Amino acid sequence: MRIVIGSDHAGFVLKNLVTQHLEDGGHEVTDIGTHSEVPVDYPPICADVARRVVRGEGTMGIVIGGSGQGEAMSANKVHGARAALCHDEYTARFARRHNDANVLSLGARVVAVELAFDILDVFLQTGFDGGRHVARIEELADIEIEEARRVDAPGTGSPPPNP
């Protein structure tokens, strides 16, 4: 499987360990950074991971930060990305089975290395159930389209008032 991975400085060490785990498992890994523990902002990195997955440059993406929260939020701003913050095997399994998640978010300050490997393995080995869940994935895509069509009032970040 082709995996795109990225992290901020807080996730750097776990990212390197996860990358090695993936490569040992026969996966092809594209590491887009960061490449040190020097503080860096995570949103551009996580969005880049998600964009590459959505474009088909990777089968799955992994984003790693301190908590994983902001990393998931950043990846989910990309249309077509379905990033799931997972802290255990259950959430990883159902993120894939019911939500067809294509980006895994991990918190390096939340999960131990061995648990991160277990979460990752479950995430990658679990397929999408389809069935009744397809309609829900389509509804997520509809929300993305709807939001993309919104016209914000300049500088406010909110829609213009109704006339």
C-alpha atoms as a PDB file:
ATOM      1  CA  MET A   1       0.000   0.000   0.000  1.00  0.00           C
ATOM      2  CA  ARG A   2       1.173   3.564  -0.687  1.00  0.00           C
ATOM      3  CA  ILE A   3       1.050   5.710   2.437  1.00  0.00           C
ATOM      4  CA  VAL A   4       1.581   9.470   2.712  1.00  0.00           C
ATOM      5  CA  ILE A   5       2.689  10.583   6.173  1.00  0.00           C
ATOM      6  CA  GLY A   6       3.315  13.924   7.824  1.00  0.00           C
ATOM      7  CA  SER A   7       3.679  15.380  11.285  1.00  0.00           C
ATOM      8  CA  ASP A   8       4.481  18.458  13.244  1.00  0.00           C
ATOM      9  CA  HIS A   9       7.413  18.661  15.650  1.00  0.00           C
ATOM     10  CA  ALA A  10       5.463  16.945  18.445  1.00  0.00           C
ATOM     11  CA  GLY A  11       4.761  13.974  16.189  1.00  0.00           C
ATOM     12  CA  PHE A  12       8.202  13.805  14.599  1.00  0.00           C
ATOM     13  CA  VAL A  13       9.619  10.924  16.659  1.00  0.00           C
ATOM     14  CA  LEU A  14       6.446   8.812  16.371  1.00  0.00           C
ATOM     15  CA  LYS A  15       6.267   9.584  12.633  1.00  0.00           C
ATOM     16  CA  ASN A  16       9.739   8.134  12.143  1.00  0.00           C
ATOM     17  CA  LEU A  17       8.849   5.005  14.123  1.00  0.00           C
ATOM     18  CA  VAL A  18       5.560   4.590  12.235  1.00  0.00           C
ATOM     19  CA  THR A  19       7.364   5.065   8.918  1.00  0.00           C
ATOM     20  CA  GLN A  20       9.827   2.300   9.812  1.00  0.00           C
ATOM     21  CA  HIS A  21       6.944   0.037  10.930  1.00  0.00           C
ATOM     22  CA  LEU A  22       5.170   0.624   7.617  1.00  0.00           C
ATOM     23  CA  GLU A  23       8.287   0.014   5.533  1.00  0.00           C
ATOM     24  CA  ASP A  24       9.021  -3.160   7.518  1.00  0.00           C
ATOM     25  CA  GLY A  25       5.494  -4.249   6.607  1.00  0.00           C
ATOM     26  CA  GLY A  26       6.193  -3.774   2.898  1.00  0.00           C
ATOM     27  CA  HIS A  27       4.393  -0.457   2.428  1.00  0.00           C
ATOM     28  CA  GLU A  28       5.679   2.373   0.254  1.00  0.00           C
ATOM     29  CA  VAL A  29       5.882   5.537   2.367  1.00  0.00           C
ATOM     30  CA  THR A  30       6.091   9.161   1.258  1.00  0.00           C
ATOM     31  CA  ASP A  31       7.220  11.296   4.192  1.00  0.00           C
ATOM     32  CA  ILE A  32       6.397  14.949   3.581  1.00  0.00           C
ATOM     33  CA  GLY A  33       7.810  16.205   6.863  1.00  0.00           C
ATOM     34  CA  THR A  34       8.476  17.731   9.193  1.00  0.00           C
ATOM     35  CA  HIS A  35      12.015  16.428   9.436  1.00  0.00           C
ATOM     36  CA  SER A  36      13.040  17.611  12.895  1.00  0.00           C
ATOM     37  CA  GLU A  37      11.718  18.585  16.310  1.00  0.00           C
ATOM     38  CA  VAL A  38      12.032  22.281  15.491  1.00  0.00           C
ATOM     39  CA  PRO A  39       8.570  23.820  16.055  1.00  0.00           C
ATOM     40  CA  VAL A  40       6.477  24.012  12.903  1.00  0.00           C
ATOM     41  CA  ASP A  41       2.817  24.677  12.150  1.00  0.00           C
ATOM     42  CA  TYR A  42       0.883  21.508  11.333  1.00  0.00           C
ATOM     43  CA  PRO A  43      -2.019  22.751   9.138  1.00  0.00           C
ATOM     44  CA  PRO A  44      -0.113  22.972   5.824  1.00  0.00           C
ATOM     45  CA  ILE A  45       1.557  19.600   6.380  1.00  0.00           C
ATOM     46  CA  CYS A  46      -1.680  17.808   7.237  1.00  0.00           C
ATOM     47  CA  ALA A  47      -3.551  19.426   4.361  1.00  0.00           C
ATOM     48  CA  ASP A  48      -0.751  18.322   2.018  1.00  0.00           C
ATOM     49  CA  VAL A  49      -1.076  14.726   3.234  1.00  0.00           C
ATOM     50  CA  ALA A  50      -4.833  14.825   2.652  1.00  0.00           C
ATOM     51  CA  ARG A  51      -4.513  16.441  -0.789  1.00  0.00           C
ATOM     52  CA  ARG A  52      -2.057  13.783  -1.913  1.00  0.00           C
ATOM     53  CA  VAL A  53      -4.409  11.012  -0.766  1.00  0.00           C
ATOM     54  CA  VAL A  54      -7.405  12.621  -2.476  1.00  0.00           C
ATOM     55  CA  ARG A  55      -5.358  12.996  -5.699  1.00  0.00           C
ATOM     56  CA  GLY A  56      -4.482   9.296  -5.556  1.00  0.00           C
ATOM     57  CA  GLU A  57      -0.793   9.729  -4.751  1.00  0.00           C
ATOM     58  CA  GLY A  58      -1.331   7.530  -1.714  1.00  0.00           C
ATOM     59  CA  THR A  59      -3.857   4.904  -0.756  1.00  0.00           C
ATOM     60  CA  MET A  60      -4.022   6.223   2.804  1.00  0.00           C
ATOM     61  CA  GLY A  61      -2.617   9.114   4.784  1.00  0.00           C
ATOM     62  CA  ILE A  62      -1.313   9.449   8.323  1.00  0.00           C
ATOM     63  CA  VAL A  63      -0.981  12.708  10.232  1.00  0.00           C
ATOM     64  CA  ILE A  64       0.656  12.888  13.648  1.00  0.00           C
ATOM     65  CA  GLY A  65       0.859  15.653  16.208  1.00  0.00           C
ATOM     66  CA  GLY A  66       0.799  16.094  19.946  1.00  0.00           C
ATOM     67  CA  SER A  67      -2.886  15.320  20.423  1.00  0.00           C
ATOM     68  CA  GLY A  68      -3.862  14.576  16.828  1.00  0.00           C
ATOM     69  CA  GLN A  69      -6.876  16.882  17.107  1.00  0.00           C
ATOM     70  CA  GLY A  70      -5.651  19.811  15.041  1.00  0.00           C
ATOM     71  CA  GLU A  71      -4.043  17.436  12.566  1.00  0.00           C
ATOM     72  CA  ALA A  72      -7.384  15.715  11.907  1.00  0.00           C
ATOM     73  CA  MET A  73      -9.145  19.066  11.632  1.00  0.00           C
ATOM     74  CA  SER A  74      -6.593  20.321   9.118  1.00  0.00           C
ATOM     75  CA  ALA A  75      -6.794  17.192   6.975  1.00  0.00           C
ATOM     76  CA  ASN A  76     -10.593  17.301   7.041  1.00  0.00           C
ATOM     77  CA  LYS A  77     -10.600  20.765   5.444  1.00  0.00           C
ATOM     78  CA  VAL A  78      -9.550  19.060   2.203  1.00  0.00           C
ATOM     79  CA  HIS A  79     -12.514  17.981   0.092  1.00  0.00           C
ATOM     80  CA  GLY A  80     -12.567  14.212  -0.172  1.00  0.00           C
ATOM     81  CA  ALA A  81     -10.473  13.646   2.941  1.00  0.00           C
ATOM     82  CA  ARG A  82     -12.042  11.741   5.788  1.00  0.00           C
ATOM     83  CA  ALA A  83      -9.540  11.968   8.620  1.00  0.00           C
ATOM     84  CA  ALA A  84     -10.194  10.069  11.825  1.00  0.00           C
ATOM     85  CA  LEU A  85      -8.503  10.708  15.150  1.00  0.00           C
ATOM     86  CA  CYS A  86      -8.032   7.256  16.665  1.00  0.00           C
ATOM     87  CA  HIS A  87      -6.814   6.426  20.153  1.00  0.00           C
ATOM     88  CA  ASP A  88      -7.569   2.713  20.124  1.00  0.00           C
ATOM     89  CA  GLU A  89      -8.207  -0.189  17.781  1.00  0.00           C
ATOM     90  CA  TYR A  90     -12.001   0.153  18.063  1.00  0.00           C
ATOM     91  CA  THR A  91     -12.060   3.719  16.738  1.00  0.00           C
ATOM     92  CA  ALA A  92      -9.620   2.755  13.966  1.00  0.00           C
ATOM     93  CA  ARG A  93     -11.730  -0.236  12.934  1.00  0.00           C
ATOM     94  CA  PHE A  94     -14.998   1.684  12.794  1.00  0.00           C
ATOM     95  CA  ALA A  95     -13.464   4.755  11.182  1.00  0.00           C
ATOM     96  CA  ARG A  96     -12.662   2.461   8.269  1.00  0.00           C
ATOM     97  CA  ARG A  97     -15.728   0.175   8.372  1.00  0.00           C
ATOM     98  CA  HIS A  98     -18.407   2.839   8.723  1.00  0.00           C
ATOM     99  CA  ASN A  99     -16.764   6.092   7.588  1.00  0.00           C
ATOM    100  CA  ASP A 100     -14.319   4.901   4.915  1.00  0.00           C
ATOM    101  CA  ALA A 101     -11.666   7.073   6.570  1.00  0.00           C
ATOM    102  CA  ASN A 102      -8.675   7.645   4.321  1.00  0.00           C
ATOM    103  CA  VAL A 103      -6.463   9.570   6.738  1.00  0.00           C
ATOM    104  CA  LEU A 104      -5.492   8.383  10.217  1.00  0.00           C
ATOM    105  CA  SER A 105      -4.648  10.982  12.840  1.00  0.00           C
ATOM    106  CA  LEU A 106      -2.574   9.987  15.855  1.00  0.00           C
ATOM    107  CA  GLY A 107      -1.599  11.886  18.988  1.00  0.00           C
ATOM    108  CA  ALA A 108       2.019  11.225  19.883  1.00  0.00           C
ATOM    109  CA  ARG A 109       1.417  12.519  23.407  1.00  0.00           C
ATOM    110  CA  VAL A 110      -1.684  10.352  23.765  1.00  0.00           C
ATOM    111  CA  VAL A 111      -0.810   6.870  22.500  1.00  0.00           C
ATOM    112  CA  ALA A 112       2.236   4.745  23.236  1.00  0.00           C
ATOM    113  CA  VAL A 113       4.314   3.538  20.313  1.00  0.00           C
ATOM    114  CA  GLU A 114       3.103  -0.082  20.420  1.00  0.00           C
ATOM    115  CA  LEU A 115      -0.520   1.049  20.626  1.00  0.00           C
ATOM    116  CA  ALA A 116       0.075   3.407  17.695  1.00  0.00           C
ATOM    117  CA  PHE A 117       1.340   0.425  15.664  1.00  0.00           C
ATOM    118  CA  ASP A 118      -1.735  -1.607  16.632  1.00  0.00           C
ATOM    119  CA  ILE A 119      -4.090   1.242  15.709  1.00  0.00           C
ATOM    120  CA  LEU A 120      -2.264   1.718  12.411  1.00  0.00           C
ATOM    121  CA  ASP A 121      -2.368  -1.977  11.528  1.00  0.00           C
ATOM    122  CA  VAL A 122      -6.107  -2.202  12.238  1.00  0.00           C
ATOM    123  CA  PHE A 123      -6.744   0.972  10.234  1.00  0.00           C
ATOM    124  CA  LEU A 124      -4.854  -0.336   7.207  1.00  0.00           C
ATOM    125  CA  GLN A 125      -6.261  -3.879   7.354  1.00  0.00           C
ATOM    126  CA  THR A 126      -9.912  -2.921   7.776  1.00  0.00           C
ATOM    127  CA  GLY A 127     -12.102  -2.391   4.746  1.00  0.00           C
ATOM    128  CA  PHE A 128     -15.162  -0.219   4.239  1.00  0.00           C
ATOM    129  CA  ASP A 129     -18.431  -2.065   4.907  1.00  0.00           C
ATOM    130  CA  GLY A 130     -20.342  -0.157   2.226  1.00  0.00           C
ATOM    131  CA  GLY A 131     -24.073  -0.826   2.358  1.00  0.00           C
ATOM    132  CA  ARG A 132     -26.010   1.682   4.437  1.00  0.00           C
ATOM    133  CA  HIS A 133     -22.802   3.619   5.084  1.00  0.00           C
ATOM    134  CA  VAL A 134     -22.400   4.634   1.429  1.00  0.00           C
ATOM    135  CA  ALA A 135     -25.279   7.111   1.690  1.00  0.00           C
ATOM    136  CA  ARG A 136     -23.608   8.728   4.701  1.00  0.00           C
ATOM    137  CA  ILE A 137     -20.319   9.126   2.868  1.00  0.00           C
ATOM    138  CA  GLU A 138     -22.238  10.708  -0.014  1.00  0.00           C
ATOM    139  CA  GLU A 139     -23.907  13.080   2.460  1.00  0.00           C
ATOM    140  CA  LEU A 140     -20.465  14.135   3.698  1.00  0.00           C
ATOM    141  CA  ALA A 141     -19.460  14.875   0.101  1.00  0.00           C
ATOM    142  CA  ASP A 142     -22.673  16.862  -0.374  1.00  0.00           C
ATOM    143  CA  ILE A 143     -21.811  18.999   2.660  1.00  0.00           C
ATOM    144  CA  GLU A 144     -18.365  19.687   1.180  1.00  0.00           C
ATOM    145  CA  ILE A 145     -19.963  20.800  -2.099  1.00  0.00           C
ATOM    146  CA  GLU A 146     -22.503  22.956  -0.285  1.00  0.00           C
ATOM    147  CA  GLU A 147     -19.829  24.648   1.795  1.00  0.00           C
ATOM    148  CA  ALA A 148     -17.630  25.227  -1.263  1.00  0.00           C
ATOM    149  CA  ARG A 149     -20.492  27.120  -2.894  1.00  0.00           C
ATOM    150  CA  ARG A 150     -20.976  29.473   0.057  1.00  0.00           C
ATOM    151  CA  VAL A 151     -19.906  33.030  -0.593  1.00  0.00           C
ATOM    152  CA  ASP A 152     -18.402  34.659   2.464  1.00  0.00           C
ATOM    153  CA  ALA A 153     -18.706  38.357   3.103  1.00  0.00           C
ATOM    154  CA  PRO A 154     -15.225  39.878   2.706  1.00  0.00           C
ATOM    155  CA  GLY A 155     -13.177  39.606   5.859  1.00  0.00           C
ATOM    156  CA  THR A 156     -15.905  38.155   8.073  1.00  0.00           C
ATOM    157  CA  GLY A 157     -15.674  34.417   7.471  1.00  0.00           C
ATOM    158  CA  SER A 158     -19.479  34.288   7.482  1.00  0.00           C
ATOM    159  CA  PRO A 159     -22.141  34.465   4.800  1.00  0.00           C
ATOM    160  CA  PRO A 160     -23.480  37.885   3.844  1.00  0.00           C
ATOM    161  CA  PRO A 161     -26.754  38.904   5.523  1.00  0.00           C
ATOM    162  CA  ASN A 162     -30.018  38.229   3.722  1.00  0.00           C
ATOM    163  CA  PRO A 163     -31.311  41.313   1.881  1.00  0.00           C
END
